[in-house]
Amino acid sequence: MEAIAAFPQGLEAEGAKELLSLGATSVRIQKRSVAFKADMALFYRLHLRARLPFRLLREVARFRVNGPNGLYQAIQRAFDWELWLHPSMTFRVDVSGSSSGLTHSHFTALQVKNAVIDLQRHSTGNRSTIDLQNPDLCVHLHLHADVGVLSLDGSAGSLHKRGYRSAVGIAPMKENLASGLIRISGWDGNCPLVDPLCGSGTFLTEAVSSARFLAPGLGRSFLFEGWADFDLQLWNKELQCARNSQLPFKELPVIIGCESNFEIANQAKINIRAAGFANDIKIQMSHFRELKMPSQAGIILCNPPYGKRLNAHDDLNNLYHDLGSFLKQNASGWQLWLLSGNPLLTRSLRLKASQRIPVSNGGIDCRWLKYQIN
């Protein structure tokens, strides 16, 4: 079947690598997504083990779209709604893209909804209700020019939510973005890892989970478990494979996070305990100037404030300057990977980046910058 994985902008290439590593074929990189071919085993596997996608969509129909009325008719013909959506079930319609006469996603979603429930009423006299939060079936329609692609979402919520992060900082980074940036950095669990401005600990928690090959989808439920063609035997097989692939007791190097804000440092500790990594990650509640770097050189990951989404403070330039000075004095031989959403602030590091990778963090245009500390 044809499938689509949605990724944070800038992580499409890394996401394609992850899909290939798990068995995807015919992988094609697109903006904020990757198209690929999959069988059901792979579709189940990706929900369990892929770390980078927001969503995984299974294409079920593709058709020409000619305005609102044409869409209404095409939706009714496109899919065996009677088999897949009983009137006792709830559903949700998500829309992306646009077409002639269909430029407003809310109006387009309403057309799809009306087409489905009118068909149900005609066939059974009853209709499904809409549930935006926890539907039984999530339908996704993507419009491009005069083509509509109808897909089913394998999950009601975004896959970036791992379940361990009940407490977040002021401007939290999503888990899948953190995981993708870690992959780009090359950290694989074989050298020390430090985050001098760790916030709620997302970088560190994702790093440990990734290094141990822990499947982020274990322990959660998915919408495809209620699909008409759900294969319980195949699903149980993929569940067992996901469990067997993990290395929960793999010995890891020193992993340290530093956070000066008492409340946020406690949030990091809560999240790390919830993930089961209290013995793997040390959170030091202090300014990074008081941090004693491990003797073995490793990788530093950092997402300092940008002064955009948060209230800008006059001392942000000093923060970046102090960070650059601290690293030059205490982290010779280390690599620094820093997510920058403000190039004016980054200049205050007084370091020269050897690599600049464009990514989007919550709609903010950022660069994932690599520095070699000498």
Protein backbone atom coordinates (compact mmCIF):
# COMPACT_ATOMS: atom_id res chain seq x y z
CA MET A 1 0.00 0.00 0.00
CA GLU A 2 0.97 3.64 -0.41
CA ALA A 3 1.66 5.46 2.84
CA ILE A 4 2.76 8.87 4.08
CA ALA A 5 4.83 9.80 7.14
CA ALA A 6 4.63 13.40 8.36
CA PHE A 7 7.80 14.88 9.88
CA PRO A 8 9.01 18.17 11.33
CA GLN A 9 10.24 20.39 8.51
CA GLY A 10 13.95 19.83 8.05
CA LEU A 11 13.91 16.21 9.21
CA GLU A 12 12.51 14.72 6.01
CA ALA A 13 15.85 13.21 4.92
CA GLU A 14 16.55 11.79 8.37
CA GLY A 15 12.98 10.49 8.50
CA ALA A 16 13.45 8.76 5.15
CA LYS A 17 16.55 7.00 6.54
CA GLU A 18 14.55 5.78 9.52
CA LEU A 19 11.75 4.46 7.29
CA LEU A 20 14.27 2.61 5.12
CA SER A 21 15.98 1.11 8.16
CA LEU A 22 12.65 -0.35 9.30
CA GLY A 23 11.77 -1.82 5.90
CA ALA A 24 10.02 0.86 3.81
CA THR A 25 10.41 0.78 0.01
CA SER A 26 9.91 3.31 -2.80
CA VAL A 27 10.76 6.13 -0.39
CA ARG A 28 10.16 9.63 -1.83
CA ILE A 29 11.02 12.77 0.16
CA GLN A 30 8.46 15.59 0.09
CA LYS A 31 8.02 18.81 2.06
CA ARG A 32 7.27 17.92 5.69
CA SER A 33 6.54 14.33 4.68
CA VAL A 34 7.91 11.19 3.08
CA ALA A 35 5.87 8.93 0.79
CA PHE A 36 6.68 5.21 0.77
CA LYS A 37 5.29 1.74 0.14
CA ALA A 38 4.50 -0.60 3.00
CA ASP A 39 2.74 -3.81 3.90
CA MET A 40 0.66 -4.07 7.07
CA ALA A 41 3.52 -5.55 9.07
CA LEU A 42 5.65 -2.49 8.34
CA PHE A 43 2.75 -0.11 9.06
CA TYR A 44 2.37 -1.70 12.50
CA ARG A 45 6.17 -1.71 13.01
CA LEU A 46 6.52 1.99 12.26
CA HIS A 47 3.88 2.90 14.82
CA LEU A 48 5.80 0.94 17.42
CA ARG A 49 9.40 1.77 16.58
CA ALA A 50 9.73 4.92 14.45
CA ARG A 51 10.88 7.89 16.52
CA LEU A 52 10.61 10.77 14.04
CA PRO A 53 7.09 10.90 12.50
CA PHE A 54 4.18 13.00 13.69
CA ARG A 55 1.71 10.81 11.81
CA LEU A 56 1.55 7.72 9.62
CA LEU A 57 -1.18 7.66 6.98
CA ARG A 58 -2.41 4.71 4.92
CA GLU A 59 -3.74 5.69 1.52
CA VAL A 60 -7.10 4.08 0.69
CA ALA A 61 -8.26 6.04 -2.38
CA ARG A 62 -7.11 8.57 -4.96
CA PHE A 63 -9.52 10.46 -7.20
CA ARG A 64 -10.14 13.58 -9.27
CA VAL A 65 -11.71 16.51 -7.44
CA ASN A 66 -13.96 19.02 -9.19
CA GLY A 67 -15.24 21.52 -6.63
CA PRO A 68 -17.37 20.89 -3.52
CA ASN A 69 -20.09 18.84 -5.24
CA GLY A 70 -17.54 16.73 -7.06
CA LEU A 71 -15.71 16.08 -3.80
CA TYR A 72 -18.97 15.05 -2.08
CA GLN A 73 -19.68 12.46 -4.76
CA ALA A 74 -16.09 11.25 -4.97
CA ILE A 75 -15.92 10.64 -1.21
CA GLN A 76 -19.05 8.49 -1.26
CA ARG A 77 -17.66 6.35 -4.09
CA ALA A 78 -14.06 6.21 -2.88
CA PHE A 79 -14.32 3.86 0.06
CA ASP A 80 -16.39 1.05 1.55
CA TRP A 81 -17.73 3.22 4.35
CA GLU A 82 -20.32 0.63 5.40
CA LEU A 83 -17.57 -1.89 6.17
CA TRP A 84 -15.16 0.53 7.88
CA LEU A 85 -17.44 2.99 9.69
CA HIS A 86 -20.48 1.60 11.46
CA PRO A 87 -22.93 4.30 12.64
CA SER A 88 -22.08 3.38 16.25
CA MET A 89 -18.49 4.51 15.62
CA THR A 90 -17.17 8.08 15.83
CA PHE A 91 -14.88 9.69 13.29
CA ARG A 92 -12.80 12.79 12.55
CA VAL A 93 -11.85 14.42 9.26
CA ASP A 94 -8.46 16.12 8.81
CA VAL A 95 -7.70 18.10 5.66
CA SER A 96 -4.48 19.41 4.13
CA GLY A 97 -3.83 21.18 0.84
CA SER A 98 -6.36 22.88 -1.42
CA SER A 99 -8.09 22.61 -4.77
CA SER A 100 -10.30 24.78 -6.96
CA GLY A 101 -13.34 25.79 -4.92
CA LEU A 102 -11.87 24.02 -1.86
CA THR A 103 -9.42 26.43 -0.31
CA HIS A 104 -10.68 26.43 3.28
CA SER A 105 -9.83 23.27 5.23
CA HIS A 106 -12.82 23.57 7.60
CA PHE A 107 -15.29 23.82 4.69
CA THR A 108 -13.59 20.91 2.91
CA ALA A 109 -13.75 18.76 6.05
CA LEU A 110 -17.45 19.60 6.34
CA GLN A 111 -18.03 18.38 2.78
CA VAL A 112 -16.32 15.08 3.57
CA LYS A 113 -18.27 14.68 6.80
CA ASN A 114 -21.59 15.40 5.08
CA ALA A 115 -20.82 12.95 2.28
CA VAL A 116 -20.14 10.17 4.79
CA ILE A 117 -23.07 10.73 7.14
CA ASP A 118 -25.53 11.27 4.28
CA LEU A 119 -24.44 7.92 2.85
CA GLN A 120 -24.89 6.29 6.25
CA ARG A 121 -28.35 7.78 6.70
CA HIS A 122 -29.38 6.58 3.26
CA SER A 123 -28.07 3.05 3.92
CA THR A 124 -29.00 2.50 7.58
CA GLY A 125 -31.07 5.43 8.81
CA ASN A 126 -28.39 6.18 11.40
CA ARG A 127 -25.15 8.17 11.36
CA SER A 128 -21.81 8.38 13.08
CA THR A 129 -20.93 11.32 15.29
CA ILE A 130 -17.81 13.47 15.17
CA ASP A 131 -15.18 13.13 17.90
CA LEU A 132 -12.20 15.43 17.45
CA GLN A 133 -10.19 14.04 20.36
CA ASN A 134 -10.70 10.26 20.43
CA PRO A 135 -12.38 9.09 17.23
CA ASP A 136 -12.74 5.45 16.26
CA LEU A 137 -11.69 6.32 12.71
CA CYS A 138 -9.57 9.27 11.59
CA VAL A 139 -9.92 10.17 7.91
CA HIS A 140 -7.35 12.40 6.21
CA LEU A 141 -7.91 14.11 2.87
CA HIS A 142 -5.05 15.78 1.03
CA LEU A 143 -5.85 18.01 -1.92
CA HIS A 144 -3.38 19.03 -4.59
CA ALA A 145 -4.54 20.67 -7.83
CA ASP A 146 -7.43 18.47 -8.97
CA VAL A 147 -6.40 15.29 -7.12
CA GLY A 148 -7.67 14.10 -3.76
CA VAL A 149 -5.89 11.48 -1.68
CA LEU A 150 -7.96 9.81 1.02
CA SER A 151 -6.03 8.16 3.85
CA LEU A 152 -6.59 6.66 7.28
CA ASP A 153 -4.50 7.88 10.20
CA GLY A 154 -3.15 5.04 12.29
CA SER A 155 -3.31 7.11 15.48
CA ALA A 156 -5.78 9.60 16.93
CA GLY A 157 -2.99 11.74 18.40
CA SER A 158 0.44 12.81 17.29
CA LEU A 159 3.13 10.13 17.55
CA HIS A 160 5.62 12.59 19.05
CA LYS A 161 3.88 12.15 22.40
CA ARG A 162 5.74 9.36 24.19
CA GLY A 163 3.76 9.48 27.42
CA TYR A 164 6.61 10.25 29.81
CA ARG A 165 6.49 14.04 29.60
CA SER A 166 3.76 15.16 31.99
CA ALA A 167 5.80 18.22 32.93
CA VAL A 168 7.19 20.55 30.29
CA GLY A 169 9.18 23.77 30.29
CA ILE A 170 8.08 27.16 29.06
CA ALA A 171 8.85 26.49 25.37
CA PRO A 172 9.18 22.70 25.06
CA MET A 173 10.72 20.93 22.09
CA LYS A 174 8.68 18.06 20.67
CA GLU A 175 10.13 14.62 21.28
CA ASN A 176 10.35 13.60 17.62
CA LEU A 177 12.27 16.77 16.71
CA ALA A 178 14.68 16.16 19.58
CA SER A 179 15.18 12.57 18.45
CA GLY A 180 15.85 13.62 14.87
CA LEU A 181 18.38 16.25 15.90
CA ILE A 182 20.17 13.69 18.07
CA ARG A 183 20.43 11.36 15.06
CA ILE A 184 21.93 14.15 12.96
CA SER A 185 24.49 14.85 15.70
CA GLY A 186 25.73 11.26 15.45
CA TRP A 187 25.48 10.52 19.18
CA ASP A 188 24.97 6.78 19.51
CA GLY A 189 25.41 6.11 23.21
CA ASN A 190 29.15 5.51 23.09
CA CYS A 191 30.46 8.86 24.41
CA PRO A 192 29.38 11.35 27.11
CA LEU A 193 26.40 13.60 26.44
CA VAL A 194 25.81 16.99 28.07
CA ASP A 195 22.98 19.51 27.78
CA PRO A 196 24.01 22.69 29.65
CA LEU A 197 20.52 24.24 29.29
CA CYS A 198 18.42 21.09 29.50
CA GLY A 199 14.99 22.54 30.29
CA SER A 200 12.53 19.70 30.88
CA GLY A 201 15.10 17.13 29.69
CA THR A 202 13.72 16.18 26.29
CA PHE A 203 17.10 15.89 24.54
CA LEU A 204 18.50 13.67 27.29
CA THR A 205 15.46 11.42 27.62
CA GLU A 206 15.17 10.89 23.87
CA ALA A 207 18.90 10.19 23.67
CA VAL A 208 18.75 7.39 26.24
CA SER A 209 15.62 5.91 24.71
CA SER A 210 17.18 5.93 21.24
CA ALA A 211 20.53 4.51 22.39
CA ARG A 212 18.71 1.58 23.98
CA PHE A 213 16.45 1.07 20.93
CA LEU A 214 13.37 1.41 23.13
CA ALA A 215 10.21 1.32 21.03
CA PRO A 216 8.32 4.57 21.68
CA GLY A 217 4.97 3.09 20.63
CA LEU A 218 4.90 0.27 23.16
CA GLY A 219 2.25 0.78 25.80
CA ARG A 220 -0.08 2.92 23.70
CA SER A 221 -3.11 2.04 21.60
CA PHE A 222 -3.68 2.85 17.93
CA LEU A 223 -6.72 3.40 15.74
CA PHE A 224 -5.71 0.63 13.32
CA GLU A 225 -6.51 -1.87 16.07
CA GLY A 226 -10.15 -1.14 15.26
CA TRP A 227 -9.85 -1.23 11.46
CA ALA A 228 -11.88 -3.71 9.44
CA ASP A 229 -8.76 -5.56 8.27
CA PHE A 230 -6.81 -5.48 11.53
CA ASP A 231 -4.59 -8.57 11.79
CA LEU A 232 -4.20 -9.44 15.47
CA GLN A 233 -1.69 -12.23 14.84
CA LEU A 234 0.53 -9.96 12.76
CA TRP A 235 0.23 -7.16 15.33
CA ASN A 236 1.26 -9.48 18.17
CA LYS A 237 4.26 -10.60 16.14
CA GLU A 238 5.38 -6.97 15.63
CA LEU A 239 4.81 -6.25 19.31
CA GLN A 240 7.11 -9.10 20.25
CA CYS A 241 9.75 -8.02 17.73
CA ALA A 242 9.66 -4.48 19.12
CA ARG A 243 10.18 -5.79 22.64
CA ASN A 244 13.00 -8.07 21.52
CA SER A 245 14.82 -5.27 19.70
CA GLN A 246 15.23 -3.23 22.88
CA LEU A 247 18.40 -3.08 24.97
CA PRO A 248 17.00 -1.84 28.30
CA PHE A 249 20.14 -2.67 30.30
CA LYS A 250 22.73 -1.34 27.85
CA GLU A 251 25.45 0.45 29.79
CA LEU A 252 25.64 4.11 28.84
CA PRO A 253 28.32 6.79 29.31
CA VAL A 254 27.94 9.88 31.50
CA ILE A 255 24.77 11.84 30.59
CA ILE A 256 24.30 15.19 32.31
CA GLY A 257 21.79 18.00 32.09
CA CYS A 258 22.13 21.39 33.75
CA GLU A 259 19.21 23.70 34.58
CA SER A 260 19.35 26.80 36.77
CA ASN A 261 15.59 27.19 37.22
CA PHE A 262 14.49 25.15 40.24
CA GLU A 263 10.97 24.47 38.97
CA ILE A 264 12.08 23.44 35.46
CA ALA A 265 14.88 21.26 36.86
CA ASN A 266 12.28 19.42 38.93
CA GLN A 267 10.12 19.02 35.82
CA ALA A 268 13.09 17.40 34.09
CA LYS A 269 13.57 15.00 36.98
CA ILE A 270 9.86 14.07 36.95
CA ASN A 271 9.98 13.33 33.22
CA ILE A 272 13.19 11.33 33.49
CA ARG A 273 11.76 9.21 36.32
CA ALA A 274 8.56 8.65 34.33
CA ALA A 275 10.66 7.39 31.41
CA GLY A 276 12.56 5.04 33.73
CA PHE A 277 15.94 6.75 33.28
CA ALA A 278 16.58 8.15 36.77
CA ASN A 279 19.76 6.07 37.06
CA ASP A 280 21.04 7.06 33.61
CA ILE A 281 20.64 10.85 33.54
CA LYS A 282 21.96 13.31 36.11
CA ILE A 283 20.22 16.67 36.37
CA GLN A 284 22.36 19.32 38.04
CA MET A 285 20.37 22.26 39.34
CA SER A 286 22.78 25.13 38.82
CA HIS A 287 24.10 27.57 36.25
CA PHE A 288 26.14 25.82 33.57
CA ARG A 289 29.21 27.73 34.79
CA GLU A 290 29.22 25.36 37.78
CA LEU A 291 29.09 22.24 35.60
CA LYS A 292 32.10 19.94 35.73
CA MET A 293 32.50 18.41 32.28
CA PRO A 294 33.32 14.68 32.01
CA SER A 295 36.99 13.94 31.34
CA GLN A 296 36.21 12.05 28.12
CA ALA A 297 35.19 14.32 25.25
CA GLY A 298 31.73 13.79 23.84
CA ILE A 299 28.77 15.69 22.42
CA ILE A 300 26.96 18.74 23.77
CA LEU A 301 23.33 19.27 22.72
CA CYS A 302 21.68 22.57 23.44
CA ASN A 303 18.44 24.43 22.72
CA PRO A 304 18.90 27.86 24.34
CA PRO A 305 16.13 30.50 24.32
CA TYR A 306 15.73 32.47 21.08
CA GLY A 307 14.08 35.61 22.48
CA LYS A 308 11.10 35.19 20.12
CA ARG A 309 8.37 32.95 21.49
CA LEU A 310 9.42 33.71 25.06
CA ASN A 311 9.69 37.25 26.37
CA ALA A 312 13.01 38.60 25.20
CA HIS A 313 15.46 39.47 27.95
CA ASP A 314 18.31 41.90 27.72
CA ASP A 315 20.69 39.29 29.12
CA LEU A 316 20.24 36.70 26.34
CA ASN A 317 23.32 38.00 24.56
CA ASN A 318 25.23 37.56 27.82
CA LEU A 319 23.86 34.02 28.16
CA TYR A 320 25.18 33.03 24.72
CA HIS A 321 28.48 34.81 25.34
CA ASP A 322 28.92 33.06 28.68
CA LEU A 323 28.06 29.69 27.13
CA GLY A 324 30.65 30.14 24.38
CA SER A 325 33.30 31.20 26.90
CA PHE A 326 32.50 28.29 29.23
CA LEU A 327 32.77 25.75 26.42
CA LYS A 328 36.05 27.15 25.07
CA GLN A 329 37.53 26.95 28.56
CA ASN A 330 36.08 23.60 29.67
CA ALA A 331 35.09 21.51 26.63
CA SER A 332 38.10 21.35 24.36
CA GLY A 333 37.75 18.44 21.93
CA TRP A 334 33.98 18.27 22.31
CA GLN A 335 31.35 18.77 19.62
CA LEU A 336 28.56 21.27 20.23
CA TRP A 337 25.23 20.98 18.42
CA LEU A 338 23.03 23.99 19.11
CA LEU A 339 19.52 24.77 17.86
CA SER A 340 19.46 28.43 16.91
CA GLY A 341 16.28 30.39 16.28
CA ASN A 342 18.02 33.74 16.38
CA PRO A 343 21.28 34.27 14.43
CA LEU A 344 21.94 37.58 16.18
CA LEU A 345 22.15 35.78 19.52
CA THR A 346 24.22 32.92 18.12
CA ARG A 347 26.95 35.35 17.10
CA SER A 348 27.55 36.04 20.79
CA LEU A 349 28.92 32.51 21.17
CA ARG A 350 32.04 33.68 19.33
CA LEU A 351 32.28 30.26 17.72
CA LYS A 352 32.31 29.32 14.03
CA ALA A 353 29.78 26.73 12.89
CA SER A 354 31.01 24.01 10.54
CA GLN A 355 27.50 22.84 9.61
CA ARG A 356 24.10 24.58 9.40
CA ILE A 357 20.98 22.47 8.93
CA PRO A 358 17.61 24.28 8.48
CA VAL A 359 14.81 22.92 10.67
CA SER A 360 11.51 24.22 12.04
CA ASN A 361 10.84 24.18 15.77
CA GLY A 362 7.20 24.94 16.50
CA GLY A 363 6.95 27.15 13.43
CA ILE A 364 10.18 29.02 14.17
CA ASP A 365 12.78 28.91 11.40
CA CYS A 366 15.88 27.47 13.06
CA ARG A 367 19.33 26.13 12.27
CA TRP A 368 20.88 23.03 13.82
CA LEU A 369 24.46 24.24 14.15
CA LYS A 370 27.57 22.12 14.60
CA TYR A 371 30.68 23.50 16.30
CA GLN A 372 34.00 21.88 17.03
CA ILE A 373 35.29 23.19 20.37
CA ASN A 374 39.05 23.75 20.31
